[in-house]
Amino acid sequence: MDPSAIRCVQGAVAATTNLLAQKWDHIFYTGNGAVGRIVMAAAAKNLTPVTLELGGKSPVYVDKSAKIDTAVARISAAKWMNTGQTCVAPDYIMVHEEVAAEFSAKMKLKVTADFGDAASNDRGKLFGRVINSRHTERVAGLVKGTKGKVLVGGLDSMDGNRNFMPPTIVLQPGVDEPMMHEEIFGPVLPILKVSSEDDAIALINQVCDRPLALYVYAQDSGVIEKVLNSTSSGGVAVNSSLEQLIDPELPFGGVGESGMGAYHGKWGFDEFCHKRSVLYKDTMIVKGMLEGIPINAPDWMYDIAVKYQVIGFFTNFQKRVVMASVGALTGALGYSFLRSKL
């Protein structure tokens, strides 16, 4: 790319701090909420608009009506991609108690089939690495701090020297644990058993009430609509995971703690553009409707002026009635004309 159009500046805190001190037309940031607040504070000094993509703990609910094999395959593909280091990776799963044992067993089999015995780092060559040692220790700390049961993977298979953390499934961690409060952003997948979609909704709103993504696996349309109507999130995928990020026809972005603004496809152009309204008015008429109204004119004159220039004389319903009547009359006249000619 032409460096006069695109410039890449490499650096850490000092470089980004200096960049944020400049006056920009728009700032886009993707990362965590703590730095997002720093970006917003810096942008506020110049009243610069900001787009933030921040993440959060993206939940998954697997209902008893879900197709379990499909749910396992799709959740697994989305979770372990890039070693769980994607902003919309499934962060924790709530499974209806009637299918929880089946789901957990099949997820364990899926991990073993795809990545081999997690205790063997040689087989783990098929699996990626955590980005650096600090994050490796952070993710390991989440596993160390849990009271849940490690179903597969775990610390015994970890190799901190190579930033290797195997795909790890943890059953029933405590809701008050760091694993259930911090965004994992790594290859650890907590699974919790719930008694109904109502329990899942309550847990979603308790753990992170505005995640970047929400995933619902169910065949019962009533359950799906109930979860969607009772929660808030940046985006949703039903019976899929991550694909809402891929579709260019859908806006991608967060809400609240998971960010603000949206992009992808045309939405990206709209996000980075200012929508400026421009009105041209001719000067053939010496005075316009509003200019010709005396200051002490009665209210009805202002009402007429506003209807004439702003909102129109008819409501939308009245417009539809008029258009329907005109259409019917035109059709009737056309029919009569054709009959007279035949």
C-alpha atoms as a PDB file:
ATOM      1  CA  MET A   1       0.000   0.000   0.000  1.00  0.00           C
ATOM      2  CA  ASP A   2       1.060   3.590  -0.628  1.00  0.00           C
ATOM      3  CA  PRO A   3       2.601   4.775   2.694  1.00  0.00           C
ATOM      4  CA  SER A   4       0.903   8.127   2.230  1.00  0.00           C
ATOM      5  CA  ALA A   5      -2.426   6.283   2.534  1.00  0.00           C
ATOM      6  CA  ILE A   6      -1.573   3.450   4.932  1.00  0.00           C
ATOM      7  CA  ARG A   7       1.083   3.703   7.623  1.00  0.00           C
ATOM      8  CA  CYS A   8       2.049   0.934  10.032  1.00  0.00           C
ATOM      9  CA  VAL A   9       3.640   2.068  13.296  1.00  0.00           C
ATOM     10  CA  GLN A  10       5.211  -0.667  15.418  1.00  0.00           C
ATOM     11  CA  GLY A  11       5.591  -0.180  19.136  1.00  0.00           C
ATOM     12  CA  ALA A  12       4.115  -0.748  22.564  1.00  0.00           C
ATOM     13  CA  VAL A  13       2.644   1.580  25.190  1.00  0.00           C
ATOM     14  CA  ALA A  14       4.820   4.613  24.455  1.00  0.00           C
ATOM     15  CA  ALA A  15       4.149   4.528  20.715  1.00  0.00           C
ATOM     16  CA  THR A  16       0.395   4.032  21.044  1.00  0.00           C
ATOM     17  CA  THR A  17       0.171   6.730  23.724  1.00  0.00           C
ATOM     18  CA  ASN A  18       1.823   9.203  21.350  1.00  0.00           C
ATOM     19  CA  LEU A  19      -0.461   8.143  18.514  1.00  0.00           C
ATOM     20  CA  LEU A  20      -3.546   8.654  20.664  1.00  0.00           C
ATOM     21  CA  ALA A  21      -2.387  12.177  21.515  1.00  0.00           C
ATOM     22  CA  GLN A  22      -2.744  13.157  17.842  1.00  0.00           C
ATOM     23  CA  LYS A  23      -5.972  14.448  16.363  1.00  0.00           C
ATOM     24  CA  TRP A  24      -7.636  11.832  14.166  1.00  0.00           C
ATOM     25  CA  ASP A  25     -10.900  11.666  12.240  1.00  0.00           C
ATOM     26  CA  HIS A  26     -11.713   8.260  13.717  1.00  0.00           C
ATOM     27  CA  ILE A  27     -10.057   5.741  16.030  1.00  0.00           C
ATOM     28  CA  PHE A  28     -10.682   1.999  15.792  1.00  0.00           C
ATOM     29  CA  TYR A  29      -9.461  -0.264  18.589  1.00  0.00           C
ATOM     30  CA  THR A  30      -9.784  -3.990  19.122  1.00  0.00           C
ATOM     31  CA  GLY A  31      -8.660  -5.523  22.407  1.00  0.00           C
ATOM     32  CA  ASN A  32      -9.743  -5.561  26.036  1.00  0.00           C
ATOM     33  CA  GLY A  33     -11.988  -3.196  27.943  1.00  0.00           C
ATOM     34  CA  ALA A  34      -9.245  -1.764  30.161  1.00  0.00           C
ATOM     35  CA  VAL A  35      -7.298  -0.423  27.184  1.00  0.00           C
ATOM     36  CA  GLY A  36     -10.574   0.494  25.469  1.00  0.00           C
ATOM     37  CA  ARG A  37     -11.281   2.957  28.277  1.00  0.00           C
ATOM     38  CA  ILE A  38      -7.810   4.487  27.830  1.00  0.00           C
ATOM     39  CA  VAL A  39      -8.467   4.877  24.090  1.00  0.00           C
ATOM     40  CA  MET A  40     -11.825   6.537  24.710  1.00  0.00           C
ATOM     41  CA  ALA A  41     -10.374   8.915  27.294  1.00  0.00           C
ATOM     42  CA  ALA A  42      -7.638   9.984  24.865  1.00  0.00           C
ATOM     43  CA  ALA A  43     -10.130  10.381  22.002  1.00  0.00           C
ATOM     44  CA  ALA A  44     -12.417  12.520  24.168  1.00  0.00           C
ATOM     45  CA  LYS A  45      -9.779  15.264  24.363  1.00  0.00           C
ATOM     46  CA  ASN A  46     -10.231  15.904  20.632  1.00  0.00           C
ATOM     47  CA  LEU A  47     -13.865  14.716  20.443  1.00  0.00           C
ATOM     48  CA  THR A  48     -12.734  11.960  18.094  1.00  0.00           C
ATOM     49  CA  PRO A  49     -15.321   9.261  17.268  1.00  0.00           C
ATOM     50  CA  VAL A  50     -14.293   5.767  18.354  1.00  0.00           C
ATOM     51  CA  THR A  51     -15.104   2.216  17.341  1.00  0.00           C
ATOM     52  CA  LEU A  52     -14.310  -0.418  19.969  1.00  0.00           C
ATOM     53  CA  GLU A  53     -14.325  -4.187  19.566  1.00  0.00           C
ATOM     54  CA  LEU A  54     -13.696  -5.505  23.067  1.00  0.00           C
ATOM     55  CA  GLY A  55     -14.837  -9.112  23.395  1.00  0.00           C
ATOM     56  CA  GLY A  56     -16.150 -10.445  26.673  1.00  0.00           C
ATOM     57  CA  LYS A  57     -17.184 -13.917  27.786  1.00  0.00           C
ATOM     58  CA  SER A  58     -19.213 -15.244  24.852  1.00  0.00           C
ATOM     59  CA  PRO A  59     -21.653 -17.857  26.195  1.00  0.00           C
ATOM     60  CA  VAL A  60     -23.107 -20.962  24.578  1.00  0.00           C
ATOM     61  CA  TYR A  61     -26.402 -22.549  25.549  1.00  0.00           C
ATOM     62  CA  VAL A  62     -27.063 -26.127  24.412  1.00  0.00           C
ATOM     63  CA  ASP A  63     -30.710 -26.989  24.905  1.00  0.00           C
ATOM     64  CA  LYS A  64     -32.132 -30.469  25.383  1.00  0.00           C
ATOM     65  CA  SER A  65     -33.747 -30.088  21.954  1.00  0.00           C
ATOM     66  CA  ALA A  66     -30.374 -29.508  20.245  1.00  0.00           C
ATOM     67  CA  LYS A  67     -28.731 -31.947  17.861  1.00  0.00           C
ATOM     68  CA  ILE A  68     -25.829 -32.883  20.116  1.00  0.00           C
ATOM     69  CA  ASP A  69     -23.443 -34.230  17.478  1.00  0.00           C
ATOM     70  CA  THR A  70     -23.865 -31.066  15.420  1.00  0.00           C
ATOM     71  CA  ALA A  71     -23.395 -28.846  18.465  1.00  0.00           C
ATOM     72  CA  VAL A  72     -20.207 -30.683  19.504  1.00  0.00           C
ATOM     73  CA  ALA A  73     -18.660 -30.446  16.040  1.00  0.00           C
ATOM     74  CA  ARG A  74     -19.445 -26.764  15.507  1.00  0.00           C
ATOM     75  CA  ILE A  75     -18.551 -25.574  19.001  1.00  0.00           C
ATOM     76  CA  SER A  76     -15.284 -27.515  18.894  1.00  0.00           C
ATOM     77  CA  ALA A  77     -14.300 -26.039  15.526  1.00  0.00           C
ATOM     78  CA  ALA A  78     -14.930 -22.501  16.771  1.00  0.00           C
ATOM     79  CA  LYS A  79     -13.387 -22.921  20.221  1.00  0.00           C
ATOM     80  CA  TRP A  80     -10.035 -24.502  19.365  1.00  0.00           C
ATOM     81  CA  MET A  81      -9.396 -22.347  16.283  1.00  0.00           C
ATOM     82  CA  ASN A  82      -6.252 -20.286  16.881  1.00  0.00           C
ATOM     83  CA  THR A  83      -5.924 -22.013  20.257  1.00  0.00           C
ATOM     84  CA  GLY A  84      -9.033 -20.281  21.533  1.00  0.00           C
ATOM     85  CA  GLN A  85      -7.485 -16.872  20.913  1.00  0.00           C
ATOM     86  CA  THR A  86     -10.315 -15.275  18.950  1.00  0.00           C
ATOM     87  CA  CYS A  87     -12.613 -12.545  20.199  1.00  0.00           C
ATOM     88  CA  VAL A  88     -15.788 -14.527  19.481  1.00  0.00           C
ATOM     89  CA  ALA A  89     -14.572 -17.940  20.644  1.00  0.00           C
ATOM     90  CA  PRO A  90     -17.110 -19.833  22.794  1.00  0.00           C
ATOM     91  CA  ASP A  91     -15.992 -18.903  26.304  1.00  0.00           C
ATOM     92  CA  TYR A  92     -18.199 -21.155  28.421  1.00  0.00           C
ATOM     93  CA  ILE A  93     -21.007 -23.617  27.726  1.00  0.00           C
ATOM     94  CA  MET A  94     -24.263 -24.153  29.574  1.00  0.00           C
ATOM     95  CA  VAL A  95     -25.850 -27.517  28.767  1.00  0.00           C
ATOM     96  CA  HIS A  96     -29.327 -28.652  29.726  1.00  0.00           C
ATOM     97  CA  GLU A  97     -29.035 -31.287  32.434  1.00  0.00           C
ATOM     98  CA  GLU A  98     -30.902 -33.886  30.353  1.00  0.00           C
ATOM     99  CA  VAL A  99     -28.144 -33.918  27.718  1.00  0.00           C
ATOM    100  CA  ALA A 100     -25.161 -32.671  29.759  1.00  0.00           C
ATOM    101  CA  ALA A 101     -23.513 -36.086  30.221  1.00  0.00           C
ATOM    102  CA  GLU A 102     -23.888 -36.968  26.530  1.00  0.00           C
ATOM    103  CA  PHE A 103     -22.549 -33.588  25.401  1.00  0.00           C
ATOM    104  CA  SER A 104     -19.515 -33.684  27.715  1.00  0.00           C
ATOM    105  CA  ALA A 105     -18.593 -37.234  26.738  1.00  0.00           C
ATOM    106  CA  LYS A 106     -18.864 -36.483  23.031  1.00  0.00           C
ATOM    107  CA  MET A 107     -16.861 -33.250  23.369  1.00  0.00           C
ATOM    108  CA  LYS A 108     -14.082 -35.198  25.083  1.00  0.00           C
ATOM    109  CA  LEU A 109     -14.091 -37.776  22.287  1.00  0.00           C
ATOM    110  CA  LYS A 110     -14.004 -34.999  19.695  1.00  0.00           C
ATOM    111  CA  VAL A 111     -10.951 -33.346  21.264  1.00  0.00           C
ATOM    112  CA  THR A 112      -9.130 -36.642  21.572  1.00  0.00           C
ATOM    113  CA  ALA A 113      -9.931 -37.599  17.996  1.00  0.00           C
ATOM    114  CA  ASP A 114      -8.791 -34.244  16.610  1.00  0.00           C
ATOM    115  CA  PHE A 115      -5.697 -33.614  18.714  1.00  0.00           C
ATOM    116  CA  GLY A 116      -4.741 -36.982  20.134  1.00  0.00           C
ATOM    117  CA  ASP A 117      -3.746 -37.710  23.700  1.00  0.00           C
ATOM    118  CA  ALA A 118      -3.391 -34.277  25.274  1.00  0.00           C
ATOM    119  CA  ALA A 119      -0.721 -35.635  27.589  1.00  0.00           C
ATOM    120  CA  SER A 120       1.595 -36.051  24.599  1.00  0.00           C
ATOM    121  CA  ASN A 121       3.163 -32.854  23.314  1.00  0.00           C
ATOM    122  CA  ASP A 122       4.254 -34.742  20.214  1.00  0.00           C
ATOM    123  CA  ARG A 123       0.621 -35.223  19.284  1.00  0.00           C
ATOM    124  CA  GLY A 124       0.095 -31.645  20.425  1.00  0.00           C
ATOM    125  CA  LYS A 125       2.126 -30.447  17.428  1.00  0.00           C
ATOM    126  CA  LEU A 126      -1.212 -30.352  15.642  1.00  0.00           C
ATOM    127  CA  PHE A 127      -2.362 -27.716  18.129  1.00  0.00           C
ATOM    128  CA  GLY A 128      -1.291 -24.071  18.177  1.00  0.00           C
ATOM    129  CA  ARG A 129       0.489 -22.114  20.901  1.00  0.00           C
ATOM    130  CA  VAL A 130      -0.608 -19.358  23.246  1.00  0.00           C
ATOM    131  CA  ILE A 131       0.762 -16.010  22.067  1.00  0.00           C
ATOM    132  CA  ASN A 132       3.394 -15.551  24.795  1.00  0.00           C
ATOM    133  CA  SER A 133       4.538 -16.813  28.182  1.00  0.00           C
ATOM    134  CA  ARG A 134       2.585 -14.209  30.157  1.00  0.00           C
ATOM    135  CA  HIS A 135      -0.697 -15.306  28.626  1.00  0.00           C
ATOM    136  CA  THR A 136       0.253 -18.963  28.966  1.00  0.00           C
ATOM    137  CA  GLU A 137       0.678 -18.482  32.711  1.00  0.00           C
ATOM    138  CA  ARG A 138      -2.537 -16.438  32.875  1.00  0.00           C
ATOM    139  CA  VAL A 139      -4.586 -19.203  31.233  1.00  0.00           C
ATOM    140  CA  ALA A 140      -2.877 -21.842  33.380  1.00  0.00           C
ATOM    141  CA  GLY A 141      -3.759 -19.780  36.450  1.00  0.00           C
ATOM    142  CA  LEU A 142      -7.439 -20.019  35.546  1.00  0.00           C
ATOM    143  CA  VAL A 143      -7.170 -23.818  35.553  1.00  0.00           C
ATOM    144  CA  LYS A 144      -5.182 -23.833  38.802  1.00  0.00           C
ATOM    145  CA  GLY A 145      -7.850 -21.718  40.465  1.00  0.00           C
ATOM    146  CA  THR A 146     -10.830 -23.886  39.568  1.00  0.00           C
ATOM    147  CA  LYS A 147     -12.689 -26.363  41.730  1.00  0.00           C
ATOM    148  CA  GLY A 148     -14.144 -27.946  38.626  1.00  0.00           C
ATOM    149  CA  LYS A 149     -13.178 -31.332  37.226  1.00  0.00           C
ATOM    150  CA  VAL A 150     -10.678 -31.405  34.350  1.00  0.00           C
ATOM    151  CA  LEU A 151     -12.213 -33.744  31.790  1.00  0.00           C
ATOM    152  CA  VAL A 152      -9.417 -33.584  29.214  1.00  0.00           C
ATOM    153  CA  GLY A 153      -6.129 -31.712  28.927  1.00  0.00           C
ATOM    154  CA  GLY A 154      -5.077 -29.766  32.002  1.00  0.00           C
ATOM    155  CA  LEU A 155      -1.863 -28.601  33.626  1.00  0.00           C
ATOM    156  CA  ASP A 156      -0.104 -31.978  33.480  1.00  0.00           C
ATOM    157  CA  SER A 157       0.077 -31.644  29.698  1.00  0.00           C
ATOM    158  CA  MET A 158       1.145 -28.008  29.752  1.00  0.00           C
ATOM    159  CA  ASP A 159       4.612 -26.952  28.547  1.00  0.00           C
ATOM    160  CA  GLY A 160       5.270 -23.390  29.652  1.00  0.00           C
ATOM    161  CA  ASN A 161       8.645 -23.270  27.911  1.00  0.00           C
ATOM    162  CA  ARG A 162       6.910 -23.703  24.556  1.00  0.00           C
ATOM    163  CA  ASN A 163       3.745 -21.756  25.454  1.00  0.00           C
ATOM    164  CA  PHE A 164       1.842 -24.986  24.997  1.00  0.00           C
ATOM    165  CA  MET A 165      -1.517 -25.406  26.688  1.00  0.00           C
ATOM    166  CA  PRO A 166      -3.549 -28.389  25.467  1.00  0.00           C
ATOM    167  CA  PRO A 167      -7.261 -28.146  24.715  1.00  0.00           C
ATOM    168  CA  THR A 168      -8.726 -28.353  28.205  1.00  0.00           C
ATOM    169  CA  ILE A 169     -12.306 -29.027  29.256  1.00  0.00           C
ATOM    170  CA  VAL A 170     -13.389 -28.202  32.812  1.00  0.00           C
ATOM    171  CA  LEU A 171     -16.688 -29.489  34.202  1.00  0.00           C
ATOM    172  CA  GLN A 172     -18.707 -27.450  36.683  1.00  0.00           C
ATOM    173  CA  PRO A 173     -16.322 -24.635  37.679  1.00  0.00           C
ATOM    174  CA  GLY A 174     -17.604 -22.312  40.378  1.00  0.00           C
ATOM    175  CA  VAL A 175     -19.482 -19.280  39.080  1.00  0.00           C
ATOM    176  CA  ASP A 176     -17.438 -17.072  41.404  1.00  0.00           C
ATOM    177  CA  GLU A 177     -14.081 -18.323  40.074  1.00  0.00           C
ATOM    178  CA  PRO A 178     -11.749 -16.222  37.870  1.00  0.00           C
ATOM    179  CA  MET A 179     -12.399 -18.738  35.057  1.00  0.00           C
ATOM    180  CA  MET A 180     -16.011 -17.572  35.018  1.00  0.00           C
ATOM    181  CA  HIS A 181     -15.268 -13.855  35.313  1.00  0.00           C
ATOM    182  CA  GLU A 182     -12.253 -13.247  33.084  1.00  0.00           C
ATOM    183  CA  GLU A 183     -12.317 -13.647  29.315  1.00  0.00           C
ATOM    184  CA  ILE A 184     -10.364 -16.876  28.815  1.00  0.00           C
ATOM    185  CA  PHE A 185      -8.937 -16.148  25.349  1.00  0.00           C
ATOM    186  CA  GLY A 186      -7.177 -19.491  25.346  1.00  0.00           C
ATOM    187  CA  PRO A 187      -7.731 -23.248  25.013  1.00  0.00           C
ATOM    188  CA  VAL A 188      -9.852 -23.793  28.114  1.00  0.00           C
ATOM    189  CA  LEU A 189     -13.567 -24.597  27.863  1.00  0.00           C
ATOM    190  CA  PRO A 190     -15.774 -24.630  30.980  1.00  0.00           C
ATOM    191  CA  ILE A 191     -18.996 -26.656  30.801  1.00  0.00           C
ATOM    192  CA  LEU A 192     -21.807 -26.073  33.277  1.00  0.00           C
ATOM    193  CA  LYS A 193     -25.025 -28.014  33.736  1.00  0.00           C
ATOM    194  CA  VAL A 194     -28.287 -26.006  33.907  1.00  0.00           C
ATOM    195  CA  SER A 195     -31.828 -27.164  34.535  1.00  0.00           C
ATOM    196  CA  SER A 196     -33.538 -24.995  31.922  1.00  0.00           C
ATOM    197  CA  GLU A 197     -33.129 -22.132  29.482  1.00  0.00           C
ATOM    198  CA  ASP A 198     -34.224 -19.813  32.301  1.00  0.00           C
ATOM    199  CA  ASP A 199     -31.200 -20.864  34.356  1.00  0.00           C
ATOM    200  CA  ALA A 200     -28.989 -20.311  31.312  1.00  0.00           C
ATOM    201  CA  ILE A 201     -30.425 -16.820  30.774  1.00  0.00           C
ATOM    202  CA  ALA A 202     -29.871 -15.930  34.425  1.00  0.00           C
ATOM    203  CA  LEU A 203     -26.258 -17.135  34.245  1.00  0.00           C
ATOM    204  CA  ILE A 204     -25.583 -15.237  30.999  1.00  0.00           C
ATOM    205  CA  ASN A 205     -26.842 -12.013  32.551  1.00  0.00           C
ATOM    206  CA  GLN A 206     -24.835 -12.672  35.716  1.00  0.00           C
ATOM    207  CA  VAL A 207     -21.460 -13.602  34.200  1.00  0.00           C
ATOM    208  CA  CYS A 208     -21.263 -11.031  31.375  1.00  0.00           C
ATOM    209  CA  ASP A 209     -24.529  -9.365  30.457  1.00  0.00           C
ATOM    210  CA  ARG A 210     -23.337  -7.911  27.124  1.00  0.00           C
ATOM    211  CA  PRO A 211     -20.886 -10.298  25.438  1.00  0.00           C
ATOM    212  CA  LEU A 212     -19.564  -9.842  21.920  1.00  0.00           C
ATOM    213  CA  ALA A 213     -21.205 -13.093  20.766  1.00  0.00           C
ATOM    214  CA  LEU A 214     -23.980 -15.388  21.946  1.00  0.00           C
ATOM    215  CA  TYR A 215     -24.500 -18.927  20.689  1.00  0.00           C
ATOM    216  CA  VAL A 216     -27.701 -20.942  21.036  1.00  0.00           C
ATOM    217  CA  TYR A 217     -28.051 -24.576  19.999  1.00  0.00           C
ATOM    218  CA  ALA A 218     -31.674 -25.735  19.949  1.00  0.00           C
ATOM    219  CA  GLN A 219     -34.368 -27.085  17.650  1.00  0.00           C
ATOM    220  CA  ASP A 220     -37.146 -25.603  19.790  1.00  0.00           C
ATOM    221  CA  SER A 221     -37.916 -22.190  18.269  1.00  0.00           C
ATOM    222  CA  GLY A 222     -39.617 -21.077  21.478  1.00  0.00           C
ATOM    223  CA  VAL A 223     -36.422 -21.662  23.452  1.00  0.00           C
ATOM    224  CA  ILE A 224     -34.358 -19.808  20.859  1.00  0.00           C
ATOM    225  CA  GLU A 225     -36.615 -16.749  20.890  1.00  0.00           C
ATOM    226  CA  LYS A 226     -36.771 -16.746  24.685  1.00  0.00           C
ATOM    227  CA  VAL A 227     -32.979 -16.672  25.000  1.00  0.00           C
ATOM    228  CA  LEU A 228     -32.616 -13.962  22.345  1.00  0.00           C
ATOM    229  CA  ASN A 229     -35.345 -11.782  23.841  1.00  0.00           C
ATOM    230  CA  SER A 230     -33.965 -12.085  27.380  1.00  0.00           C
ATOM    231  CA  THR A 231     -30.310 -11.290  26.668  1.00  0.00           C
ATOM    232  CA  SER A 232     -28.152  -8.682  24.964  1.00  0.00           C
ATOM    233  CA  SER A 233     -25.032  -9.259  22.869  1.00  0.00           C
ATOM    234  CA  GLY A 234     -23.063  -7.822  19.998  1.00  0.00           C
ATOM    235  CA  GLY A 235     -24.144 -10.658  17.684  1.00  0.00           C
ATOM    236  CA  VAL A 236     -25.827 -14.046  17.742  1.00  0.00           C
ATOM    237  CA  ALA A 237     -25.458 -17.354  15.932  1.00  0.00           C
ATOM    238  CA  VAL A 238     -28.152 -20.004  16.262  1.00  0.00           C
ATOM    239  CA  ASN A 239     -26.999 -23.606  15.774  1.00  0.00           C
ATOM    240  CA  SER A 240     -23.599 -22.295  14.730  1.00  0.00           C
ATOM    241  CA  SER A 241     -20.588 -20.582  16.223  1.00  0.00           C
ATOM    242  CA  LEU A 242     -18.398 -17.837  14.759  1.00  0.00           C
ATOM    243  CA  GLU A 243     -20.196 -17.689  11.384  1.00  0.00           C
ATOM    244  CA  GLN A 244     -21.934 -14.414  12.296  1.00  0.00           C
ATOM    245  CA  LEU A 245     -18.424 -12.911  12.142  1.00  0.00           C
ATOM    246  CA  ILE A 246     -17.744 -14.257   8.645  1.00  0.00           C
ATOM    247  CA  ASP A 247     -20.894 -13.133   6.805  1.00  0.00           C
ATOM    248  CA  PRO A 248     -20.146  -9.744   5.141  1.00  0.00           C
ATOM    249  CA  GLU A 249     -23.856  -8.957   4.980  1.00  0.00           C
ATOM    250  CA  LEU A 250     -24.052  -8.786   8.784  1.00  0.00           C
ATOM    251  CA  PRO A 251     -22.699  -5.933  10.939  1.00  0.00           C
ATOM    252  CA  PHE A 252     -20.055  -7.041  13.413  1.00  0.00           C
ATOM    253  CA  GLY A 253     -19.535  -5.206  16.676  1.00  0.00           C
ATOM    254  CA  GLY A 254     -20.153  -5.178  20.394  1.00  0.00           C
ATOM    255  CA  VAL A 255     -22.481  -3.483  22.830  1.00  0.00           C
ATOM    256  CA  GLY A 256     -21.690  -2.059  26.258  1.00  0.00           C
ATOM    257  CA  GLU A 257     -18.698  -3.824  27.774  1.00  0.00           C
ATOM    258  CA  SER A 258     -18.072  -5.703  24.509  1.00  0.00           C
ATOM    259  CA  GLY A 259     -17.657  -2.531  22.474  1.00  0.00           C
ATOM    260  CA  MET A 260     -19.422   0.035  20.323  1.00  0.00           C
ATOM    261  CA  GLY A 261     -19.881   0.546  16.613  1.00  0.00           C
ATOM    262  CA  ALA A 262     -20.048  -2.089  13.883  1.00  0.00           C
ATOM    263  CA  TYR A 263     -18.238  -2.893  10.680  1.00  0.00           C
ATOM    264  CA  HIS A 264     -17.789  -5.495   7.877  1.00  0.00           C
ATOM    265  CA  GLY A 265     -19.077  -4.998   4.341  1.00  0.00           C
ATOM    266  CA  LYS A 266     -21.046  -1.800   3.785  1.00  0.00           C
ATOM    267  CA  TRP A 267     -21.348  -1.406   7.552  1.00  0.00           C
ATOM    268  CA  GLY A 268     -17.615  -0.665   7.657  1.00  0.00           C
ATOM    269  CA  PHE A 269     -17.927   2.151   5.120  1.00  0.00           C
ATOM    270  CA  ASP A 270     -20.840   3.612   7.076  1.00  0.00           C
ATOM    271  CA  GLU A 271     -18.924   3.341  10.359  1.00  0.00           C
ATOM    272  CA  PHE A 272     -15.950   5.332   9.068  1.00  0.00           C
ATOM    273  CA  CYS A 273     -17.950   7.926   7.129  1.00  0.00           C
ATOM    274  CA  HIS A 274     -19.708  11.052   8.319  1.00  0.00           C
ATOM    275  CA  LYS A 275     -23.269  11.230   7.020  1.00  0.00           C
ATOM    276  CA  ARG A 276     -23.591  14.923   6.166  1.00  0.00           C
ATOM    277  CA  SER A 277     -27.040  16.197   5.265  1.00  0.00           C
ATOM    278  CA  VAL A 278     -27.176  18.799   2.478  1.00  0.00           C
ATOM    279  CA  LEU A 279     -30.308  20.764   1.497  1.00  0.00           C
ATOM    280  CA  TYR A 280     -30.604  22.951  -1.606  1.00  0.00           C
ATOM    281  CA  LYS A 281     -33.480  25.414  -1.868  1.00  0.00           C
ATOM    282  CA  ASP A 282     -34.429  27.430  -4.943  1.00  0.00           C
ATOM    283  CA  THR A 283     -34.785  31.211  -4.777  1.00  0.00           C
ATOM    284  CA  MET A 284     -37.584  31.677  -7.304  1.00  0.00           C
ATOM    285  CA  ILE A 285     -40.062  32.345  -4.507  1.00  0.00           C
ATOM    286  CA  VAL A 286     -39.097  35.523  -2.677  1.00  0.00           C
ATOM    287  CA  LYS A 287     -40.265  34.248   0.692  1.00  0.00           C
ATOM    288  CA  GLY A 288     -40.517  30.700   1.864  1.00  0.00           C
ATOM    289  CA  MET A 289     -43.381  29.296   3.903  1.00  0.00           C
ATOM    290  CA  LEU A 290     -41.689  29.889   7.262  1.00  0.00           C
ATOM    291  CA  GLU A 291     -40.313  33.315   6.301  1.00  0.00           C
ATOM    292  CA  GLY A 292     -43.792  34.581   5.457  1.00  0.00           C
ATOM    293  CA  ILE A 293     -45.330  33.786   8.849  1.00  0.00           C
ATOM    294  CA  PRO A 294     -45.639  36.786  11.198  1.00  0.00           C
ATOM    295  CA  ILE A 295     -44.049  36.470  14.624  1.00  0.00           C
ATOM    296  CA  ASN A 296     -47.416  36.793  16.355  1.00  0.00           C
ATOM    297  CA  ALA A 297     -49.193  34.389  13.996  1.00  0.00           C
ATOM    298  CA  PRO A 298     -51.652  31.886  15.492  1.00  0.00           C
ATOM    299  CA  ASP A 299     -50.591  28.322  16.163  1.00  0.00           C
ATOM    300  CA  TRP A 300     -52.541  26.874  13.240  1.00  0.00           C
ATOM    301  CA  MET A 301     -50.363  28.790  10.771  1.00  0.00           C
ATOM    302  CA  TYR A 302     -47.226  27.205  12.228  1.00  0.00           C
ATOM    303  CA  ASP A 303     -48.899  23.783  12.096  1.00  0.00           C
ATOM    304  CA  ILE A 304     -49.619  24.245   8.392  1.00  0.00           C
ATOM    305  CA  ALA A 305     -46.066  25.454   7.734  1.00  0.00           C
ATOM    306  CA  VAL A 306     -44.536  22.464   9.519  1.00  0.00           C
ATOM    307  CA  LYS A 307     -46.797  20.015   7.695  1.00  0.00           C
ATOM    308  CA  TYR A 308     -45.972  21.678   4.373  1.00  0.00           C
ATOM    309  CA  GLN A 309     -42.197  21.688   4.782  1.00  0.00           C
ATOM    310  CA  VAL A 310     -41.398  18.886   7.250  1.00  0.00           C
ATOM    311  CA  ILE A 311     -43.874  16.123   8.019  1.00  0.00           C
ATOM    312  CA  GLY A 312     -46.490  16.406   5.283  1.00  0.00           C
ATOM    313  CA  PHE A 313     -50.233  16.749   5.607  1.00  0.00           C
ATOM    314  CA  PHE A 314     -51.060  13.050   5.862  1.00  0.00           C
ATOM    315  CA  THR A 315     -50.079  10.339   8.315  1.00  0.00           C
ATOM    316  CA  ASN A 316     -48.465   7.178   6.948  1.00  0.00           C
ATOM    317  CA  PHE A 317     -51.758   5.334   7.360  1.00  0.00           C
ATOM    318  CA  GLN A 318     -53.641   8.045   5.475  1.00  0.00           C
ATOM    319  CA  LYS A 319     -51.022   7.928   2.722  1.00  0.00           C
ATOM    320  CA  ARG A 320     -51.460   4.162   2.367  1.00  0.00           C
ATOM    321  CA  VAL A 321     -55.246   4.560   2.171  1.00  0.00           C
ATOM    322  CA  VAL A 322     -54.942   7.262  -0.488  1.00  0.00           C
ATOM    323  CA  MET A 323     -52.429   5.234  -2.509  1.00  0.00           C
ATOM    324  CA  ALA A 324     -54.644   2.139  -2.291  1.00  0.00           C
ATOM    325  CA  SER A 325     -57.667   4.155  -3.388  1.00  0.00           C
ATOM    326  CA  VAL A 326     -55.772   5.708  -6.286  1.00  0.00           C
ATOM    327  CA  GLY A 327     -54.514   2.288  -7.310  1.00  0.00           C
ATOM    328  CA  ALA A 328     -57.994   0.789  -7.197  1.00  0.00           C
ATOM    329  CA  LEU A 329     -59.454   3.710  -9.165  1.00  0.00           C
ATOM    330  CA  THR A 330     -56.697   3.527 -11.776  1.00  0.00           C
ATOM    331  CA  GLY A 331     -57.252  -0.213 -12.126  1.00  0.00           C
ATOM    332  CA  ALA A 332     -60.998   0.232 -12.503  1.00  0.00           C
ATOM    333  CA  LEU A 333     -60.581   2.953 -15.145  1.00  0.00           C
ATOM    334  CA  GLY A 334     -58.043   0.841 -17.015  1.00  0.00           C
ATOM    335  CA  TYR A 335     -60.365  -2.165 -16.921  1.00  0.00           C
ATOM    336  CA  SER A 336     -63.312  -0.072 -18.209  1.00  0.00           C
ATOM    337  CA  PHE A 337     -61.154   1.370 -20.990  1.00  0.00           C
ATOM    338  CA  LEU A 338     -60.016  -2.070 -22.123  1.00  0.00           C
ATOM    339  CA  ARG A 339     -63.580  -3.429 -22.094  1.00  0.00           C
ATOM    340  CA  SER A 340     -64.767  -0.523 -24.276  1.00  0.00           C
ATOM    341  CA  LYS A 341     -62.073  -1.290 -26.834  1.00  0.00           C
ATOM    342  CA  LEU A 342     -62.719  -5.027 -27.023  1.00  0.00           C
END
